[in-house]
Amino acid sequence: MDGIARVLSERMARSLGQPLVVENRAGAGGNIGADAVAKSAPDGYTMMIVANGMAVNKFLYAKLSYDPVKNFTPVSLIAVVPNVLVTNAAQSKDKTVASVIERAKAKPGKLTYASAGSGTSIHLAGELFASMAHVDMLHVPYKGSGPAVTDLIGGQVDFMFDSITSAMPHIQSGRLRAIAVTTAKRSSALPDVPTIAEAGLPGYELSPWFAVYMPAGVPAPIVSRINAALLEAMKLPEVKARFAAIGAEPVGSTPLQLAQHLDAEMEKWGKIIQARNIRAD
């Protein structure tokens, strides 16, 4: 997210005629940053880049200090950064989704998958997988993707639905084996790796997305100007190259399309989170 924010802000500053300052407000699944933006003046000078947490945090946390729909103005979708199902290349024989499902059914509750924390897209990818495949796999949450990958490479856990950005160096080094990606389409960064849907679970999709929002009440002309600057920056070769380097697939949208996307994501993941009793707090 930080990398996306910085490459876009540098280019948007040129067309807007003033610098953009990137400030990381990490913590609580994005809630700390979202709360700060929700309380900012709707003057067009504050915006945020958020991920899937915008759609799922309402269902993961008992209390939120903001409403993901009422307290924000949608600007544009930015990109999708796929997650990829990976395993330890040296210790695991699993090379297909079918193999993973077969082993999970043979050993209910024994196979483990790591995540960067409860409620993250990495965790939800595993929950969706287990639900659709009708298998029982043990979720092992970590405080971030880094320690989770370390234990996967060390053989302490069996699988991980990691972000392609985090997993790619280890896939390239041969320490991790990529089995399938979570998105509806194959990733341009791993074109030979099938999607989970085409590899055995039709209809499976988790597409981690990033988008830009501003506080509620920002005037439409300002939103249009920011949207235009954002879409213009995304067309630049250096931005496309940076996106490709981290495995991000550019999207871009109108504010209305982002609003509709958020509604659809909340509808989908709200049902799954509630059905599987997933909590983040």
Protein backbone atom coordinates (compact mmCIF):
# COMPACT_ATOMS: atom_id res chain seq x y z
CA MET A 1 0.00 0.00 0.00
CA ASP A 2 2.81 2.40 0.86
CA GLY A 3 4.53 1.70 -2.46
CA ILE A 4 1.32 2.33 -4.40
CA ALA A 5 0.65 5.53 -2.47
CA ARG A 6 4.11 6.95 -3.06
CA VAL A 7 4.34 6.27 -6.79
CA LEU A 8 0.87 7.70 -7.38
CA SER A 9 1.32 10.75 -5.14
CA GLU A 10 4.52 11.79 -6.89
CA ARG A 11 2.82 11.75 -10.29
CA MET A 12 -0.48 13.23 -9.12
CA ALA A 13 1.40 16.15 -7.58
CA ARG A 14 2.49 17.22 -11.05
CA SER A 15 -1.03 17.49 -12.46
CA LEU A 16 -2.49 18.98 -9.28
CA GLY A 17 0.27 21.53 -8.95
CA GLN A 18 1.06 20.86 -5.30
CA PRO A 19 2.88 18.21 -3.28
CA LEU A 20 1.12 15.23 -1.73
CA VAL A 21 2.37 13.97 1.63
CA VAL A 22 2.11 10.25 2.35
CA GLU A 23 1.46 9.45 6.01
CA ASN A 24 1.21 5.86 7.19
CA ARG A 25 -1.46 5.31 9.85
CA ALA A 26 -1.13 1.59 10.50
CA GLY A 27 -3.03 -0.47 13.04
CA ALA A 28 -6.32 -2.25 13.76
CA GLY A 29 -6.76 -3.51 10.23
CA GLY A 30 -6.76 -0.01 8.77
CA ASN A 31 -9.27 1.36 11.28
CA ILE A 32 -6.89 3.94 12.75
CA GLY A 33 -6.21 5.55 9.40
CA ALA A 34 -9.84 5.34 8.32
CA ASP A 35 -11.00 6.98 11.53
CA ALA A 36 -8.59 9.88 11.02
CA VAL A 37 -9.80 10.48 7.47
CA ALA A 38 -13.47 10.16 8.43
CA LYS A 39 -12.97 13.00 10.91
CA SER A 40 -11.05 15.24 8.46
CA ALA A 41 -12.51 18.32 6.80
CA PRO A 42 -14.21 17.56 3.44
CA ASP A 43 -12.08 20.13 1.63
CA GLY A 44 -10.30 17.80 -0.78
CA TYR A 45 -6.94 17.95 1.01
CA THR A 46 -7.20 14.59 2.76
CA MET A 47 -7.57 11.21 1.08
CA MET A 48 -6.65 7.65 1.88
CA ILE A 49 -5.69 4.44 0.18
CA VAL A 50 -7.42 1.47 1.73
CA ALA A 51 -7.64 -2.24 1.10
CA ASN A 52 -10.33 -4.90 1.63
CA GLY A 53 -10.68 -3.83 5.25
CA MET A 54 -13.07 -1.16 4.03
CA ALA A 55 -15.52 -3.94 3.15
CA VAL A 56 -14.93 -6.41 5.97
CA ASN A 57 -14.05 -4.49 9.14
CA LYS A 58 -17.69 -3.69 9.84
CA PHE A 59 -18.25 -7.42 10.33
CA LEU A 60 -14.92 -8.27 11.99
CA TYR A 61 -14.96 -5.69 14.78
CA ALA A 62 -17.61 -5.35 17.47
CA LYS A 63 -17.38 -1.56 17.29
CA LEU A 64 -16.18 0.82 14.58
CA SER A 65 -15.77 4.56 15.04
CA TYR A 66 -16.85 5.17 11.44
CA ASP A 67 -19.32 3.92 8.85
CA PRO A 68 -17.54 2.65 5.69
CA VAL A 69 -20.33 3.98 3.46
CA LYS A 70 -21.73 7.07 5.18
CA ASN A 71 -18.44 8.61 6.35
CA PHE A 72 -16.49 8.52 3.07
CA THR A 73 -16.60 9.73 -0.51
CA PRO A 74 -15.44 7.11 -3.03
CA VAL A 75 -12.89 8.29 -5.60
CA SER A 76 -11.52 5.32 -7.56
CA LEU A 77 -10.44 1.72 -7.44
CA ILE A 78 -6.69 1.51 -7.99
CA ALA A 79 -5.54 -2.07 -8.32
CA VAL A 80 -5.95 -5.69 -7.41
CA VAL A 81 -2.96 -7.47 -5.85
CA PRO A 82 -3.60 -11.24 -5.96
CA ASN A 83 -3.02 -13.63 -3.12
CA VAL A 84 -1.36 -16.93 -3.97
CA LEU A 85 -1.67 -20.32 -2.30
CA VAL A 86 1.90 -21.37 -1.51
CA THR A 87 3.58 -24.22 0.32
CA ASN A 88 7.09 -25.19 1.37
CA ALA A 89 8.75 -26.44 -1.81
CA ALA A 90 11.26 -28.63 0.02
CA GLN A 91 8.89 -30.31 2.45
CA SER A 92 5.55 -30.54 0.66
CA LYS A 93 4.61 -32.70 -2.32
CA ASP A 94 1.44 -30.72 -3.00
CA LYS A 95 1.45 -29.12 -6.44
CA THR A 96 -2.27 -28.81 -7.16
CA VAL A 97 -5.43 -27.58 -5.49
CA ALA A 98 -6.86 -31.09 -5.80
CA SER A 99 -3.91 -32.48 -3.85
CA VAL A 100 -4.37 -29.94 -1.06
CA ILE A 101 -8.08 -30.73 -0.78
CA GLU A 102 -7.43 -34.48 -0.82
CA ARG A 103 -4.90 -34.24 2.00
CA ALA A 104 -7.12 -31.89 4.02
CA LYS A 105 -10.04 -34.32 3.78
CA ALA A 106 -7.80 -37.20 4.79
CA LYS A 107 -6.54 -35.29 7.85
CA PRO A 108 -9.38 -33.10 9.19
CA GLY A 109 -8.06 -30.26 11.34
CA LYS A 110 -4.43 -31.31 10.89
CA LEU A 111 -3.25 -29.21 7.95
CA THR A 112 -2.39 -25.63 8.87
CA TYR A 113 -2.42 -22.36 6.99
CA ALA A 114 -0.73 -19.19 8.21
CA SER A 115 -2.01 -15.65 7.86
CA ALA A 116 -0.89 -12.11 8.61
CA GLY A 117 -3.60 -11.87 11.25
CA SER A 118 -7.26 -12.65 11.80
CA GLY A 119 -9.52 -10.91 9.32
CA THR A 120 -6.80 -10.13 6.77
CA SER A 121 -7.34 -11.07 3.13
CA ILE A 122 -4.83 -13.89 3.68
CA HIS A 123 -7.01 -15.31 6.44
CA LEU A 124 -10.27 -14.80 4.54
CA ALA A 125 -8.81 -16.55 1.49
CA GLY A 126 -8.22 -19.61 3.64
CA GLU A 127 -11.68 -19.44 5.20
CA LEU A 128 -13.29 -19.21 1.77
CA PHE A 129 -11.17 -22.12 0.54
CA ALA A 130 -12.09 -24.33 3.50
CA SER A 131 -15.77 -23.43 3.18
CA MET A 132 -16.04 -24.12 -0.55
CA ALA A 133 -13.88 -27.26 -0.45
CA HIS A 134 -15.72 -28.57 2.64
CA VAL A 135 -12.49 -29.21 4.51
CA ASP A 136 -11.28 -28.50 8.03
CA MET A 137 -7.93 -26.67 8.08
CA LEU A 138 -6.35 -25.00 11.11
CA HIS A 139 -5.81 -21.25 10.84
CA VAL A 140 -2.59 -19.98 12.45
CA PRO A 141 -2.60 -16.15 12.71
CA TYR A 142 0.64 -14.17 12.95
CA LYS A 143 1.38 -10.49 13.55
CA GLY A 144 2.12 -9.68 9.94
CA SER A 145 3.00 -11.54 6.77
CA GLY A 146 6.76 -11.58 7.46
CA PRO A 147 6.79 -13.92 10.47
CA ALA A 148 4.12 -16.09 8.85
CA VAL A 149 6.24 -16.60 5.73
CA THR A 150 9.29 -17.28 7.90
CA ASP A 151 7.49 -20.13 9.65
CA LEU A 152 6.14 -21.46 6.35
CA ILE A 153 9.68 -21.60 4.96
CA GLY A 154 10.83 -23.14 8.26
CA GLY A 155 8.22 -25.88 8.03
CA GLN A 156 6.15 -24.87 11.06
CA VAL A 157 2.97 -24.44 8.97
CA ASP A 158 1.76 -26.17 5.80
CA PHE A 159 0.25 -23.47 3.59
CA MET A 160 -0.39 -19.76 3.22
CA PHE A 161 -2.62 -17.68 0.94
CA ASP A 162 -0.02 -14.92 0.92
CA SER A 163 0.02 -11.65 -1.01
CA ILE A 164 1.86 -12.11 -4.27
CA THR A 165 4.05 -9.13 -3.34
CA SER A 166 5.30 -10.89 -0.22
CA ALA A 167 5.49 -14.40 -1.69
CA MET A 168 7.10 -13.66 -5.06
CA PRO A 169 10.77 -13.42 -3.91
CA HIS A 170 10.46 -16.78 -2.17
CA ILE A 171 8.71 -18.35 -5.16
CA GLN A 172 11.50 -17.10 -7.41
CA SER A 173 14.16 -18.44 -5.04
CA GLY A 174 12.51 -21.85 -5.03
CA ARG A 175 11.76 -21.92 -1.31
CA LEU A 176 8.01 -21.65 -1.84
CA ARG A 177 5.90 -23.40 -4.46
CA ALA A 178 2.99 -21.48 -5.99
CA ILE A 179 -0.07 -23.71 -6.31
CA ALA A 180 -2.81 -21.29 -7.42
CA VAL A 181 -3.85 -17.63 -7.24
CA THR A 182 -7.00 -16.44 -5.49
CA THR A 183 -8.24 -14.01 -8.16
CA ALA A 184 -10.77 -14.71 -10.91
CA LYS A 185 -8.09 -14.31 -13.57
CA ARG A 186 -4.49 -15.49 -13.64
CA SER A 187 -1.87 -13.03 -12.48
CA SER A 188 0.39 -11.47 -15.10
CA ALA A 189 3.21 -11.89 -12.56
CA LEU A 190 2.61 -15.67 -12.43
CA PRO A 191 1.01 -16.47 -15.79
CA ASP A 192 1.65 -20.22 -15.55
CA VAL A 193 -0.03 -20.55 -12.15
CA PRO A 194 -3.77 -21.37 -12.39
CA THR A 195 -6.52 -19.71 -10.42
CA ILE A 196 -8.05 -21.68 -7.57
CA ALA A 197 -11.34 -21.60 -9.48
CA GLU A 198 -9.94 -23.23 -12.60
CA ALA A 199 -7.82 -25.66 -10.58
CA GLY A 200 -10.64 -27.30 -8.69
CA LEU A 201 -12.99 -24.87 -6.91
CA PRO A 202 -15.27 -23.24 -9.52
CA GLY A 203 -16.58 -19.88 -8.35
CA TYR A 204 -13.78 -19.28 -5.88
CA GLU A 205 -12.51 -15.69 -5.87
CA LEU A 206 -10.76 -13.40 -3.47
CA SER A 207 -9.35 -10.31 -5.15
CA PRO A 208 -7.51 -8.06 -2.66
CA TRP A 209 -8.19 -4.54 -3.87
CA PHE A 210 -6.93 -1.06 -3.14
CA ALA A 211 -8.94 2.12 -3.56
CA VAL A 212 -8.92 5.84 -2.81
CA TYR A 213 -11.50 7.49 -0.57
CA MET A 214 -12.00 10.99 0.82
CA PRO A 215 -14.11 12.20 3.77
CA ALA A 216 -17.87 12.37 3.26
CA GLY A 217 -19.14 15.65 1.85
CA VAL A 218 -16.28 16.51 -0.50
CA PRO A 219 -17.77 18.56 -3.38
CA ALA A 220 -18.25 16.65 -6.63
CA PRO A 221 -15.95 18.93 -8.71
CA ILE A 222 -13.06 18.22 -6.32
CA VAL A 223 -13.73 14.48 -6.41
CA SER A 224 -13.75 14.60 -10.22
CA ARG A 225 -10.44 16.44 -10.29
CA ILE A 226 -8.75 13.99 -7.92
CA ASN A 227 -10.20 11.06 -9.86
CA ALA A 228 -8.87 12.46 -13.15
CA ALA A 229 -5.40 13.06 -11.67
CA LEU A 230 -5.35 9.54 -10.27
CA LEU A 231 -6.40 7.86 -13.53
CA GLU A 232 -3.92 9.98 -15.47
CA ALA A 233 -1.08 8.92 -13.17
CA MET A 234 -2.01 5.25 -13.53
CA LYS A 235 -1.48 5.46 -17.30
CA LEU A 236 2.17 6.53 -16.97
CA PRO A 237 4.80 3.90 -17.93
CA GLU A 238 6.75 4.31 -14.69
CA VAL A 239 3.59 3.76 -12.63
CA LYS A 240 2.68 0.68 -14.64
CA ALA A 241 6.21 -0.63 -14.14
CA ARG A 242 6.04 -0.09 -10.38
CA PHE A 243 2.68 -1.84 -10.20
CA ALA A 244 4.05 -4.78 -12.19
CA ALA A 245 7.04 -5.04 -9.85
CA ILE A 246 4.79 -5.65 -6.85
CA GLY A 247 2.31 -7.85 -8.71
CA ALA A 248 -0.46 -5.24 -8.79
CA GLU A 249 -3.02 -5.35 -11.59
CA PRO A 250 -4.19 -1.76 -12.41
CA VAL A 251 -7.95 -1.18 -12.36
CA GLY A 252 -9.15 2.43 -12.17
CA SER A 253 -12.83 3.35 -11.93
CA THR A 254 -15.40 6.07 -11.51
CA PRO A 255 -16.54 7.01 -7.99
CA LEU A 256 -19.88 5.30 -8.67
CA GLN A 257 -18.18 2.07 -9.75
CA LEU A 258 -16.16 2.06 -6.51
CA ALA A 259 -19.32 2.59 -4.45
CA GLN A 260 -21.00 -0.33 -6.22
CA HIS A 261 -17.90 -2.48 -5.74
CA LEU A 262 -17.85 -1.78 -2.01
CA ASP A 263 -21.52 -2.69 -1.72
CA ALA A 264 -20.94 -6.01 -3.50
CA GLU A 265 -17.88 -6.84 -1.40
CA MET A 266 -19.68 -6.08 1.85
CA GLU A 267 -22.58 -8.28 0.78
CA LYS A 268 -20.28 -11.19 -0.09
CA TRP A 269 -17.86 -11.09 2.82
CA GLY A 270 -20.40 -10.11 5.45
CA LYS A 271 -22.21 -13.40 4.88
CA ILE A 272 -18.99 -15.45 4.97
CA ILE A 273 -17.60 -13.74 8.08
CA GLN A 274 -20.84 -14.13 10.00
CA ALA A 275 -21.39 -17.74 8.87
CA ARG A 276 -17.89 -18.77 9.95
CA ASN A 277 -17.92 -16.61 13.10
CA ILE A 278 -14.69 -14.78 12.26
CA ARG A 279 -13.62 -12.01 14.62
CA ALA A 280 -10.64 -9.67 14.65
CA ASP A 281 -10.97 -8.21 18.14
